Amino acid sequence: MLRSKDNLYSEIASFIKDAKDLVIMSPYIKSSALKELLSNTSCEDITIVTSWKPRDVKFGATDLDVYRICKSRNIFLYINNNIHLKIICKNDRSAIISSSANITNRGLALGGRYNFEMGSITKNPEIDDDLYIESIIADENTFLVNDEYYNKIKEESDKIEINKD
C-alpha cells in the first residue's frame, strides 16, 4: 500500500520515471504539484484528464496554470467535470496507480500540511479496466482544452465573488 508521507509520492515518482507514456486523471491538479511530479520523468507522451469547475478554480482547489504547463510540454489536457477517480497509468495502461490523492501539494504530501491518502499499484490490469479508462477519455463530456476554453473558465471564475464571512 502507498501512504501519504510514508511512501506515496516516492512510489509515484519511481513509477513514472521510466514511463514511455502516461495517463493522469485527477479532478484537482495544482500547477506546483504537477511540475514537481513531472520533474521525475522524461516521458513526452502524456495525457491528463481533470476537472475545471469555475468555483473550484476560484477557491483554489485546482488551478488554470496547469494549462500553461501542458501547452509548453505538448501534453494533452482534457476536461471532464464528472471525474472523481485519481489514477496514473503508464506504458499502454499496463500498470496503474490508484489512490485517493489529487495532484496537489496536500494530496501528494509535498509540504508540511498534507491529507491522509492511500493507494496501490496494479500491474497487468484486466482489459475491462483499460476499456474503462479509455471510455473516460472518449466520453462525450471529455474535451481537449484550448485557449478559448481556458479564457472562458478564467472569466467565469473571476466573476465569482467570495463572501468574506
Protein backbone atom coordinates (compact mmCIF):
# COMPACT_ATOMS: atom_id res chain seq x y z
CA MET A 1 0.00 0.00 0.00
CA LEU A 2 1.01 3.56 -0.66
CA ARG A 3 0.50 6.02 2.20
CA SER A 4 0.90 9.79 2.33
CA LYS A 5 4.09 10.97 3.99
CA ASP A 6 5.41 7.38 4.10
CA ASN A 7 5.87 6.33 0.51
CA LEU A 8 3.05 7.67 -1.71
CA TYR A 9 4.98 10.38 -3.52
CA SER A 10 8.26 8.46 -3.73
CA GLU A 11 6.48 5.43 -5.23
CA ILE A 12 4.64 7.63 -7.75
CA ALA A 13 7.93 9.31 -8.70
CA SER A 14 9.60 5.94 -9.14
CA PHE A 15 6.59 4.60 -11.06
CA ILE A 16 6.66 7.34 -13.70
CA LYS A 17 10.46 7.57 -14.02
CA ASP A 18 10.78 5.09 -16.88
CA ALA A 19 7.33 5.58 -18.41
CA LYS A 20 7.00 5.55 -22.19
CA ASP A 21 3.53 7.06 -21.91
CA LEU A 22 1.39 8.36 -19.06
CA VAL A 23 -2.28 8.96 -18.42
CA ILE A 24 -3.04 11.06 -15.35
CA MET A 25 -6.62 11.52 -14.16
CA SER A 26 -7.43 13.66 -11.16
CA PRO A 27 -10.25 16.14 -10.56
CA TYR A 28 -7.93 18.57 -8.79
CA ILE A 29 -4.49 19.41 -10.11
CA LYS A 30 -2.32 22.27 -8.88
CA SER A 31 0.46 23.51 -11.15
CA SER A 32 3.16 23.39 -8.46
CA ALA A 33 2.41 19.73 -7.69
CA LEU A 34 2.20 18.85 -11.40
CA LYS A 35 5.59 20.48 -12.08
CA GLU A 36 7.13 18.55 -9.20
CA LEU A 37 5.57 15.30 -10.35
CA LEU A 38 6.64 15.75 -13.99
CA SER A 39 10.21 16.54 -12.91
CA ASN A 40 10.52 12.80 -12.24
CA THR A 41 10.04 11.71 -15.84
CA SER A 42 11.30 12.45 -19.33
CA CYS A 43 8.15 10.94 -20.83
CA GLU A 44 6.78 13.03 -23.69
CA ASP A 45 3.56 11.11 -24.38
CA ILE A 46 1.32 12.37 -21.59
CA THR A 47 -2.43 12.74 -21.37
CA ILE A 48 -4.11 14.46 -18.44
CA VAL A 49 -7.82 14.46 -17.64
CA THR A 50 -9.00 16.84 -14.94
CA SER A 51 -11.99 18.88 -13.86
CA TRP A 52 -12.31 22.65 -14.09
CA LYS A 53 -15.41 23.99 -12.41
CA PRO A 54 -15.30 27.78 -12.03
CA ARG A 55 -15.97 27.62 -8.26
CA ASP A 56 -13.15 25.10 -7.76
CA VAL A 57 -10.80 27.41 -9.69
CA LYS A 58 -11.92 30.48 -7.73
CA PHE A 59 -11.43 28.78 -4.37
CA GLY A 60 -8.04 27.34 -5.33
CA ALA A 61 -8.87 23.62 -5.35
CA THR A 62 -7.41 23.44 -8.84
CA ASP A 63 -5.53 25.94 -10.96
CA LEU A 64 -5.53 27.11 -14.54
CA ASP A 65 -1.73 27.37 -14.77
CA VAL A 66 -1.84 23.63 -15.40
CA TYR A 67 -2.85 24.56 -18.96
CA ARG A 68 0.33 26.59 -19.48
CA ILE A 69 2.47 23.70 -18.25
CA CYS A 70 0.67 21.29 -20.55
CA LYS A 71 0.87 23.64 -23.51
CA SER A 72 4.62 24.19 -23.04
CA ARG A 73 5.28 20.42 -22.81
CA ASN A 74 2.84 19.34 -25.56
CA ILE A 75 0.74 17.44 -23.03
CA PHE A 76 -2.84 16.67 -23.99
CA LEU A 77 -5.06 18.29 -21.34
CA TYR A 78 -8.68 17.19 -21.26
CA ILE A 79 -11.57 18.30 -19.09
CA ASN A 80 -14.32 16.05 -17.81
CA ASN A 81 -16.19 17.59 -14.90
CA ASN A 82 -17.64 14.19 -13.96
CA ILE A 83 -14.38 12.52 -12.95
CA HIS A 84 -13.60 11.77 -9.35
CA LEU A 85 -11.06 8.97 -9.79
CA LYS A 86 -7.37 9.56 -9.18
CA ILE A 87 -5.14 7.34 -11.29
CA ILE A 88 -1.79 7.37 -13.02
CA CYS A 89 -1.27 4.79 -15.78
CA LYS A 90 1.86 4.02 -17.72
CA ASN A 91 3.02 2.03 -20.72
CA ASP A 92 -0.28 1.48 -22.50
CA ARG A 93 -2.03 1.16 -19.15
CA SER A 94 -0.04 -1.96 -18.26
CA ALA A 95 0.39 -0.59 -14.73
CA ILE A 96 -1.87 1.74 -12.77
CA ILE A 97 -1.57 3.63 -9.52
CA SER A 98 -5.00 4.17 -8.00
CA SER A 99 -5.19 6.39 -4.95
CA SER A 100 -7.28 8.88 -3.07
CA ALA A 101 -4.68 11.61 -3.74
CA ASN A 102 -5.29 14.51 -6.07
CA ILE A 103 -2.28 16.02 -7.85
CA THR A 104 -1.89 18.78 -5.28
CA ASN A 105 0.78 19.53 -2.70
CA ARG A 106 -1.52 18.37 0.09
CA GLY A 107 -2.62 15.27 -1.84
CA LEU A 108 0.94 14.19 -2.61
CA ALA A 109 2.26 15.34 0.80
CA LEU A 110 4.76 17.71 -0.80
CA GLY A 111 4.82 20.08 2.16
CA GLY A 112 4.27 20.27 5.87
CA ARG A 113 0.48 20.22 5.50
CA TYR A 114 -0.92 17.11 3.89
CA ASN A 115 -4.00 14.96 3.60
CA PHE A 116 -4.12 11.34 4.69
CA GLU A 117 -4.14 9.40 1.42
CA MET A 118 -3.72 5.77 0.38
CA GLY A 119 -3.24 3.99 -2.89
CA SER A 120 -1.95 0.90 -4.59
CA ILE A 121 -0.25 -0.23 -7.78
CA THR A 122 -1.92 -2.70 -10.12
CA LYS A 123 0.26 -4.41 -12.70
CA ASN A 124 -1.30 -6.01 -15.77
CA PRO A 125 -4.85 -4.83 -15.07
CA GLU A 126 -7.87 -6.53 -16.62
CA ILE A 127 -8.94 -5.49 -20.13
CA ASP A 128 -12.14 -4.08 -18.59
CA ASP A 129 -10.02 -1.65 -16.56
CA ASP A 130 -8.22 -0.50 -19.69
CA LEU A 131 -11.54 -0.08 -21.51
CA TYR A 132 -12.98 1.89 -18.60
CA ILE A 133 -10.08 4.36 -18.67
CA GLU A 134 -10.32 4.64 -22.44
CA SER A 135 -14.08 5.23 -22.20
CA ILE A 136 -13.47 8.25 -19.95
CA ILE A 137 -11.12 9.80 -22.49
CA ALA A 138 -13.62 9.07 -25.29
CA ASP A 139 -16.65 10.20 -23.25
CA GLU A 140 -18.89 12.84 -24.80
CA ASN A 141 -18.22 15.06 -21.76
CA THR A 142 -14.44 14.90 -22.22
CA PHE A 143 -12.89 17.59 -24.39
CA LEU A 144 -9.46 18.97 -25.17
CA VAL A 145 -8.63 22.29 -23.52
CA ASN A 146 -7.81 25.15 -25.87
CA ASP A 147 -7.18 28.88 -25.35
CA GLU A 148 -10.87 29.69 -25.80
CA TYR A 149 -11.99 27.31 -23.05
CA TYR A 150 -9.16 28.40 -20.75
CA ASN A 151 -10.23 32.05 -21.14
CA LYS A 152 -13.89 31.17 -20.61
CA ILE A 153 -13.23 29.38 -17.30
CA LYS A 154 -10.87 32.16 -16.19
CA GLU A 155 -13.58 34.74 -16.89
CA GLU A 156 -16.28 32.71 -15.14
CA SER A 157 -14.14 32.09 -12.06
CA ASP A 158 -13.10 35.76 -11.89
CA LYS A 159 -16.80 36.76 -11.74
CA ILE A 160 -17.45 34.69 -8.62
CA GLU A 161 -17.47 36.85 -5.53
CA ILE A 162 -16.12 35.48 -2.31
CA ASN A 163 -18.16 36.23 0.78
CA LYS A 164 -15.71 37.40 3.44
CA ASP A 165 -17.77 35.62 6.12
